[in-house]
Amino acid sequence: MAMRIKSLREAANLTQVQLADKLGVLSTTVSNWETGVALPKTIILPQLAEILDCTIDDLYERDSPEHHQMTN
């Protein structure tokens, strides 16, 4: 999920600070998500997905070939 959040954020042309401001969290929180130190709280996922113009499944890369290999 860490790299996915970063790539979606960059695709949305947002800095970590801008994304943090939109979510009402600290920029260090976004940094922690993107480095895999922490995961976003479940309650924030819908807002995160909306800001990044994706689905919650997209955040988890559930449609990726890697995910399908892991679940099969």
PDB file of N, CA and C in Angstrom:
ATOM      1  N   MET A   1       0.823  -1.190   0.000  1.00  0.00           N
ATOM      2  CA  MET A   1       0.000   0.000   0.000  1.00  0.00           C
ATOM      3  C   MET A   1       0.870   1.256   0.000  1.00  0.00           C
ATOM      4  N   ALA A   2       2.026   1.199   0.609  1.00  0.00           N
ATOM      5  CA  ALA A   2       2.880   2.385   0.743  1.00  0.00           C
ATOM      6  C   ALA A   2       3.222   3.005  -0.606  1.00  0.00           C
ATOM      7  N   MET A   3       3.733   2.190  -1.511  1.00  0.00           N
ATOM      8  CA  MET A   3       4.126   2.719  -2.815  1.00  0.00           C
ATOM      9  C   MET A   3       2.904   3.158  -3.623  1.00  0.00           C
ATOM     10  N   ARG A   4       1.792   2.489  -3.408  1.00  0.00           N
ATOM     11  CA  ARG A   4       0.561   2.840  -4.125  1.00  0.00           C
ATOM     12  C   ARG A   4       0.078   4.225  -3.712  1.00  0.00           C
ATOM     13  N   ILE A   5       0.089   4.511  -2.430  1.00  0.00           N
ATOM     14  CA  ILE A   5      -0.324   5.843  -1.977  1.00  0.00           C
ATOM     15  C   ILE A   5       0.584   6.899  -2.581  1.00  0.00           C
ATOM     16  N   LYS A   6       1.876   6.646  -2.562  1.00  0.00           N
ATOM     17  CA  LYS A   6       2.825   7.616  -3.108  1.00  0.00           C
ATOM     18  C   LYS A   6       2.582   7.833  -4.598  1.00  0.00           C
ATOM     19  N   SER A   7       2.415   6.764  -5.351  1.00  0.00           N
ATOM     20  CA  SER A   7       2.232   6.931  -6.793  1.00  0.00           C
ATOM     21  C   SER A   7       0.916   7.626  -7.115  1.00  0.00           C
ATOM     22  N   LEU A   8      -0.138   7.321  -6.379  1.00  0.00           N
ATOM     23  CA  LEU A   8      -1.418   7.993  -6.592  1.00  0.00           C
ATOM     24  C   LEU A   8      -1.342   9.467  -6.201  1.00  0.00           C
ATOM     25  N   ARG A   9      -0.631   9.745  -5.116  1.00  0.00           N
ATOM     26  CA  ARG A   9      -0.457  11.147  -4.699  1.00  0.00           C
ATOM     27  C   ARG A   9       0.295  11.926  -5.765  1.00  0.00           C
ATOM     28  N   GLU A  10       1.371  11.346  -6.259  1.00  0.00           N
ATOM     29  CA  GLU A  10       2.153  12.015  -7.291  1.00  0.00           C
ATOM     30  C   GLU A  10       1.353  12.191  -8.579  1.00  0.00           C
ATOM     31  N   ALA A  11       0.549  11.201  -8.933  1.00  0.00           N
ATOM     32  CA  ALA A  11      -0.300  11.300 -10.120  1.00  0.00           C
ATOM     33  C   ALA A  11      -1.331  12.419  -9.978  1.00  0.00           C
ATOM     34  N   ALA A  12      -1.736  12.685  -8.740  1.00  0.00           N
ATOM     35  CA  ALA A  12      -2.688  13.767  -8.462  1.00  0.00           C
ATOM     36  C   ALA A  12      -1.985  15.119  -8.329  1.00  0.00           C
ATOM     37  N   ASN A  13      -0.669  15.120  -8.539  1.00  0.00           N
ATOM     38  CA  ASN A  13       0.132  16.355  -8.429  1.00  0.00           C
ATOM     39  C   ASN A  13      -0.004  17.010  -7.066  1.00  0.00           C
ATOM     40  N   LEU A  14       0.038  16.191  -6.031  1.00  0.00           N
ATOM     41  CA  LEU A  14      -0.033  16.693  -4.665  1.00  0.00           C
ATOM     42  C   LEU A  14       1.273  16.398  -3.944  1.00  0.00           C
ATOM     43  N   THR A  15       1.691  17.312  -3.107  1.00  0.00           N
ATOM     44  CA  THR A  15       2.823  17.045  -2.219  1.00  0.00           C
ATOM     45  C   THR A  15       2.293  16.324  -0.985  1.00  0.00           C
ATOM     46  N   GLN A  16       3.193  15.794  -0.198  1.00  0.00           N
ATOM     47  CA  GLN A  16       2.774  15.173   1.061  1.00  0.00           C
ATOM     48  C   GLN A  16       2.065  16.197   1.942  1.00  0.00           C
ATOM     49  N   VAL A  17       2.562  17.410   1.966  1.00  0.00           N
ATOM     50  CA  VAL A  17       1.963  18.469   2.788  1.00  0.00           C
ATOM     51  C   VAL A  17       0.548  18.785   2.299  1.00  0.00           C
ATOM     52  N   GLN A  18       0.365  18.886   0.993  1.00  0.00           N
ATOM     53  CA  GLN A  18      -0.956  19.188   0.449  1.00  0.00           C
ATOM     54  C   GLN A  18      -1.955  18.076   0.764  1.00  0.00           C
ATOM     55  N   LEU A  19      -1.522  16.829   0.593  1.00  0.00           N
ATOM     56  CA  LEU A  19      -2.417  15.709   0.907  1.00  0.00           C
ATOM     57  C   LEU A  19      -2.751  15.695   2.386  1.00  0.00           C
ATOM     58  N   ALA A  20      -1.758  15.918   3.210  1.00  0.00           N
ATOM     59  CA  ALA A  20      -1.982  15.952   4.659  1.00  0.00           C
ATOM     60  C   ALA A  20      -2.991  17.046   5.023  1.00  0.00           C
ATOM     61  N   ASP A  21      -2.836  18.225   4.433  1.00  0.00           N
ATOM     62  CA  ASP A  21      -3.759  19.327   4.706  1.00  0.00           C
ATOM     63  C   ASP A  21      -5.190  18.960   4.321  1.00  0.00           C
ATOM     64  N   LYS A  22      -5.354  18.322   3.180  1.00  0.00           N
ATOM     65  CA  LYS A  22      -6.697  17.934   2.723  1.00  0.00           C
ATOM     66  C   LYS A  22      -7.337  16.899   3.650  1.00  0.00           C
ATOM     67  N   LEU A  23      -6.488  16.061   4.253  1.00  0.00           N
ATOM     68  CA  LEU A  23      -6.997  15.006   5.135  1.00  0.00           C
ATOM     69  C   LEU A  23      -7.063  15.419   6.600  1.00  0.00           C
ATOM     70  N   GLY A  24      -6.442  16.547   6.929  1.00  0.00           N
ATOM     71  CA  GLY A  24      -6.419  16.983   8.323  1.00  0.00           C
ATOM     72  C   GLY A  24      -5.467  16.169   9.178  1.00  0.00           C
ATOM     73  N   VAL A  25      -4.382  15.705   8.554  1.00  0.00           N
ATOM     74  CA  VAL A  25      -3.364  14.959   9.293  1.00  0.00           C
ATOM     75  C   VAL A  25      -2.027  15.671   9.119  1.00  0.00           C
ATOM     76  N   LEU A  26      -1.020  15.228   9.848  1.00  0.00           N
ATOM     77  CA  LEU A  26       0.312  15.807   9.726  1.00  0.00           C
ATOM     78  C   LEU A  26       1.000  15.260   8.472  1.00  0.00           C
ATOM     79  N   SER A  27       1.901  16.043   7.902  1.00  0.00           N
ATOM     80  CA  SER A  27       2.643  15.567   6.737  1.00  0.00           C
ATOM     81  C   SER A  27       3.515  14.369   7.102  1.00  0.00           C
ATOM     82  N   THR A  28       3.946  14.299   8.344  1.00  0.00           N
ATOM     83  CA  THR A  28       4.725  13.126   8.771  1.00  0.00           C
ATOM     84  C   THR A  28       3.866  11.858   8.746  1.00  0.00           C
ATOM     85  N   THR A  29       2.576  12.006   8.948  1.00  0.00           N
ATOM     86  CA  THR A  29       1.666  10.865   8.860  1.00  0.00           C
ATOM     87  C   THR A  29       1.646  10.327   7.439  1.00  0.00           C
ATOM     88  N   VAL A  30       1.523  11.219   6.459  1.00  0.00           N
ATOM     89  CA  VAL A  30       1.540  10.807   5.052  1.00  0.00           C
ATOM     90  C   VAL A  30       2.884  10.162   4.721  1.00  0.00           C
ATOM     91  N   SER A  31       3.954  10.753   5.193  1.00  0.00           N
ATOM     92  CA  SER A  31       5.284  10.188   4.981  1.00  0.00           C
ATOM     93  C   SER A  31       5.368   8.778   5.550  1.00  0.00           C
ATOM     94  N   ASN A  32       4.825   8.577   6.735  1.00  0.00           N
ATOM     95  CA  ASN A  32       4.833   7.254   7.361  1.00  0.00           C
ATOM     96  C   ASN A  32       4.042   6.234   6.537  1.00  0.00           C
ATOM     97  N   TRP A  33       2.937   6.668   5.946  1.00  0.00           N
ATOM     98  CA  TRP A  33       2.168   5.771   5.078  1.00  0.00           C
ATOM     99  C   TRP A  33       2.994   5.367   3.869  1.00  0.00           C
ATOM    100  N   GLU A  34       3.673   6.365   3.293  1.00  0.00           N
ATOM    101  CA  GLU A  34       4.403   6.122   2.049  1.00  0.00           C
ATOM    102  C   GLU A  34       5.688   5.332   2.251  1.00  0.00           C
ATOM    103  N   THR A  35       6.189   5.283   3.454  1.00  0.00           N
ATOM    104  CA  THR A  35       7.395   4.503   3.723  1.00  0.00           C
ATOM    105  C   THR A  35       7.066   3.167   4.382  1.00  0.00           C
ATOM    106  N   GLY A  36       5.786   2.932   4.624  1.00  0.00           N
ATOM    107  CA  GLY A  36       5.368   1.663   5.204  1.00  0.00           C
ATOM    108  C   GLY A  36       5.528   1.580   6.712  1.00  0.00           C
ATOM    109  N   VAL A  37       5.835   2.706   7.350  1.00  0.00           N
ATOM    110  CA  VAL A  37       5.958   2.733   8.810  1.00  0.00           C
ATOM    111  C   VAL A  37       4.587   2.562   9.464  1.00  0.00           C
ATOM    112  N   ALA A  38       3.569   3.100   8.815  1.00  0.00           N
ATOM    113  CA  ALA A  38       2.202   3.040   9.342  1.00  0.00           C
ATOM    114  C   ALA A  38       1.227   2.906   8.180  1.00  0.00           C
ATOM    115  N   LEU A  39       0.007   2.535   8.498  1.00  0.00           N
ATOM    116  CA  LEU A  39      -1.065   2.471   7.509  1.00  0.00           C
ATOM    117  C   LEU A  39      -2.127   3.496   7.872  1.00  0.00           C
ATOM    118  N   PRO A  40      -2.834   4.007   6.877  1.00  0.00           N
ATOM    119  CA  PRO A  40      -3.925   4.936   7.189  1.00  0.00           C
ATOM    120  C   PRO A  40      -4.997   4.239   8.011  1.00  0.00           C
ATOM    121  N   LYS A  41      -5.610   4.972   8.913  1.00  0.00           N
ATOM    122  CA  LYS A  41      -6.728   4.428   9.688  1.00  0.00           C
ATOM    123  C   LYS A  41      -7.893   4.161   8.744  1.00  0.00           C
ATOM    124  N   THR A  42      -8.631   3.133   9.038  1.00  0.00           N
ATOM    125  CA  THR A  42      -9.752   2.726   8.201  1.00  0.00           C
ATOM    126  C   THR A  42     -10.724   3.868   7.948  1.00  0.00           C
ATOM    127  N   ILE A  43     -10.970   4.666   8.955  1.00  0.00           N
ATOM    128  CA  ILE A  43     -11.940   5.750   8.838  1.00  0.00           C
ATOM    129  C   ILE A  43     -11.522   6.807   7.810  1.00  0.00           C
ATOM    130  N   ILE A  44     -10.235   6.904   7.509  1.00  0.00           N
ATOM    131  CA  ILE A  44      -9.744   7.917   6.589  1.00  0.00           C
ATOM    132  C   ILE A  44      -9.685   7.410   5.140  1.00  0.00           C
ATOM    133  N   LEU A  45      -9.808   6.106   4.939  1.00  0.00           N
ATOM    134  CA  LEU A  45      -9.667   5.535   3.601  1.00  0.00           C
ATOM    135  C   LEU A  45     -10.650   6.099   2.567  1.00  0.00           C
ATOM    136  N   PRO A  46     -11.944   6.265   2.889  1.00  0.00           N
ATOM    137  CA  PRO A  46     -12.840   6.835   1.878  1.00  0.00           C
ATOM    138  C   PRO A  46     -12.418   8.243   1.425  1.00  0.00           C
ATOM    139  N   GLN A  47     -12.016   9.071   2.357  1.00  0.00           N
ATOM    140  CA  GLN A  47     -11.585  10.430   2.011  1.00  0.00           C
ATOM    141  C   GLN A  47     -10.274  10.391   1.228  1.00  0.00           C
ATOM    142  N   LEU A  48      -9.359   9.534   1.614  1.00  0.00           N
ATOM    143  CA  LEU A  48      -8.093   9.384   0.912  1.00  0.00           C
ATOM    144  C   LEU A  48      -8.342   8.940  -0.527  1.00  0.00           C
ATOM    145  N   ALA A  49      -9.205   7.957  -0.702  1.00  0.00           N
ATOM    146  CA  ALA A  49      -9.531   7.475  -2.043  1.00  0.00           C
ATOM    147  C   ALA A  49     -10.182   8.574  -2.885  1.00  0.00           C
ATOM    148  N   GLU A  50     -11.061   9.342  -2.279  1.00  0.00           N
ATOM    149  CA  GLU A  50     -11.718  10.426  -3.019  1.00  0.00           C
ATOM    150  C   GLU A  50     -10.704  11.468  -3.473  1.00  0.00           C
ATOM    151  N   ILE A  51      -9.827  11.873  -2.590  1.00  0.00           N
ATOM    152  CA  ILE A  51      -8.819  12.877  -2.929  1.00  0.00           C
ATOM    153  C   ILE A  51      -7.888  12.370  -4.024  1.00  0.00           C
ATOM    154  N   LEU A  52      -7.542  11.090  -3.955  1.00  0.00           N
ATOM    155  CA  LEU A  52      -6.610  10.516  -4.937  1.00  0.00           C
ATOM    156  C   LEU A  52      -7.324   9.979  -6.173  1.00  0.00           C
ATOM    157  N   ASP A  53      -8.638  10.189  -6.234  1.00  0.00           N
ATOM    158  CA  ASP A  53      -9.459   9.801  -7.387  1.00  0.00           C
ATOM    159  C   ASP A  53      -9.300   8.308  -7.704  1.00  0.00           C
ATOM    160  N   CYS A  54      -9.524   7.494  -6.679  1.00  0.00           N
ATOM    161  CA  CYS A  54      -9.428   6.054  -6.852  1.00  0.00           C
ATOM    162  C   CYS A  54     -10.426   5.401  -5.908  1.00  0.00           C
ATOM    163  N   THR A  55     -10.438   4.089  -5.912  1.00  0.00           N
ATOM    164  CA  THR A  55     -11.279   3.355  -4.967  1.00  0.00           C
ATOM    165  C   THR A  55     -10.409   2.884  -3.801  1.00  0.00           C
ATOM    166  N   ILE A  56     -11.052   2.446  -2.752  1.00  0.00           N
ATOM    167  CA  ILE A  56     -10.299   1.883  -1.625  1.00  0.00           C
ATOM    168  C   ILE A  56      -9.562   0.631  -2.087  1.00  0.00           C
ATOM    169  N   ASP A  57     -10.178  -0.168  -2.946  1.00  0.00           N
ATOM    170  CA  ASP A  57      -9.483  -1.335  -3.499  1.00  0.00           C
ATOM    171  C   ASP A  57      -8.226  -0.922  -4.249  1.00  0.00           C
ATOM    172  N   ASP A  58      -8.288   0.204  -4.964  1.00  0.00           N
ATOM    173  CA  ASP A  58      -7.098   0.695  -5.669  1.00  0.00           C
ATOM    174  C   ASP A  58      -5.961   0.983  -4.687  1.00  0.00           C
ATOM    175  N   LEU A  59      -6.286   1.502  -3.520  1.00  0.00           N
ATOM    176  CA  LEU A  59      -5.256   1.792  -2.528  1.00  0.00           C
ATOM    177  C   LEU A  59      -4.539   0.514  -2.112  1.00  0.00           C
ATOM    178  N   TYR A  60      -5.304  -0.576  -2.063  1.00  0.00           N
ATOM    179  CA  TYR A  60      -4.740  -1.869  -1.685  1.00  0.00           C
ATOM    180  C   TYR A  60      -4.213  -2.652  -2.884  1.00  0.00           C
ATOM    181  N   GLU A  61      -4.354  -2.076  -4.073  1.00  0.00           N
ATOM    182  CA  GLU A  61      -3.914  -2.719  -5.319  1.00  0.00           C
ATOM    183  C   GLU A  61      -4.582  -4.069  -5.512  1.00  0.00           C
ATOM    184  N   ARG A  62      -5.839  -4.157  -5.170  1.00  0.00           N
ATOM    185  CA  ARG A  62      -6.549  -5.431  -5.257  1.00  0.00           C
ATOM    186  C   ARG A  62      -6.771  -5.894  -6.686  1.00  0.00           C
ATOM    187  N   ASP A  63      -6.669  -4.979  -7.650  1.00  0.00           N
ATOM    188  CA  ASP A  63      -6.832  -5.375  -9.049  1.00  0.00           C
ATOM    189  C   ASP A  63      -5.503  -5.690  -9.715  1.00  0.00           C
ATOM    190  N   SER A  64      -4.417  -5.608  -8.973  1.00  0.00           N
ATOM    191  CA  SER A  64      -3.101  -5.836  -9.562  1.00  0.00           C
ATOM    192  C   SER A  64      -2.830  -7.330  -9.728  1.00  0.00           C
ATOM    193  N   PRO A  65      -2.022  -7.704 -10.724  1.00  0.00           N
ATOM    194  CA  PRO A  65      -1.665  -9.112 -10.900  1.00  0.00           C
ATOM    195  C   PRO A  65      -0.984  -9.692  -9.664  1.00  0.00           C
ATOM    196  N   GLU A  66      -0.195  -8.873  -8.951  1.00  0.00           N
ATOM    197  CA  GLU A  66       0.482  -9.353  -7.761  1.00  0.00           C
ATOM    198  C   GLU A  66      -0.522  -9.791  -6.702  1.00  0.00           C
ATOM    199  N   HIS A  67      -1.591  -9.029  -6.554  1.00  0.00           N
ATOM    200  CA  HIS A  67      -2.599  -9.381  -5.552  1.00  0.00           C
ATOM    201  C   HIS A  67      -3.260 -10.708  -5.909  1.00  0.00           C
ATOM    202  N   HIS A  68      -3.583 -10.875  -7.192  1.00  0.00           N
ATOM    203  CA  HIS A  68      -4.246 -12.109  -7.616  1.00  0.00           C
ATOM    204  C   HIS A  68      -3.331 -13.310  -7.403  1.00  0.00           C
ATOM    205  N   GLN A  69      -2.044 -13.150  -7.604  1.00  0.00           N
ATOM    206  CA  GLN A  69      -1.113 -14.246  -7.371  1.00  0.00           C
ATOM    207  C   GLN A  69      -1.066 -14.602  -5.892  1.00  0.00           C
ATOM    208  N   MET A  70      -1.151 -13.604  -5.032  1.00  0.00           N
ATOM    209  CA  MET A  70      -1.069 -13.834  -3.594  1.00  0.00           C
ATOM    210  C   MET A  70      -2.332 -14.525  -3.078  1.00  0.00           C
ATOM    211  N   THR A  71      -3.475 -14.273  -3.715  1.00  0.00           N
ATOM    212  CA  THR A  71      -4.735 -14.821  -3.209  1.00  0.00           C
ATOM    213  C   THR A  71      -5.117 -16.124  -3.870  1.00  0.00           C
ATOM    214  N   ASN A  72      -4.400 -16.522  -4.892  1.00  0.00           N
ATOM    215  CA  ASN A  72      -4.724 -17.791  -5.591  1.00  0.00           C
ATOM    216  C   ASN A  72      -3.822 -18.902  -5.137  1.00  0.00           C
TER     217      ASN A  72
END
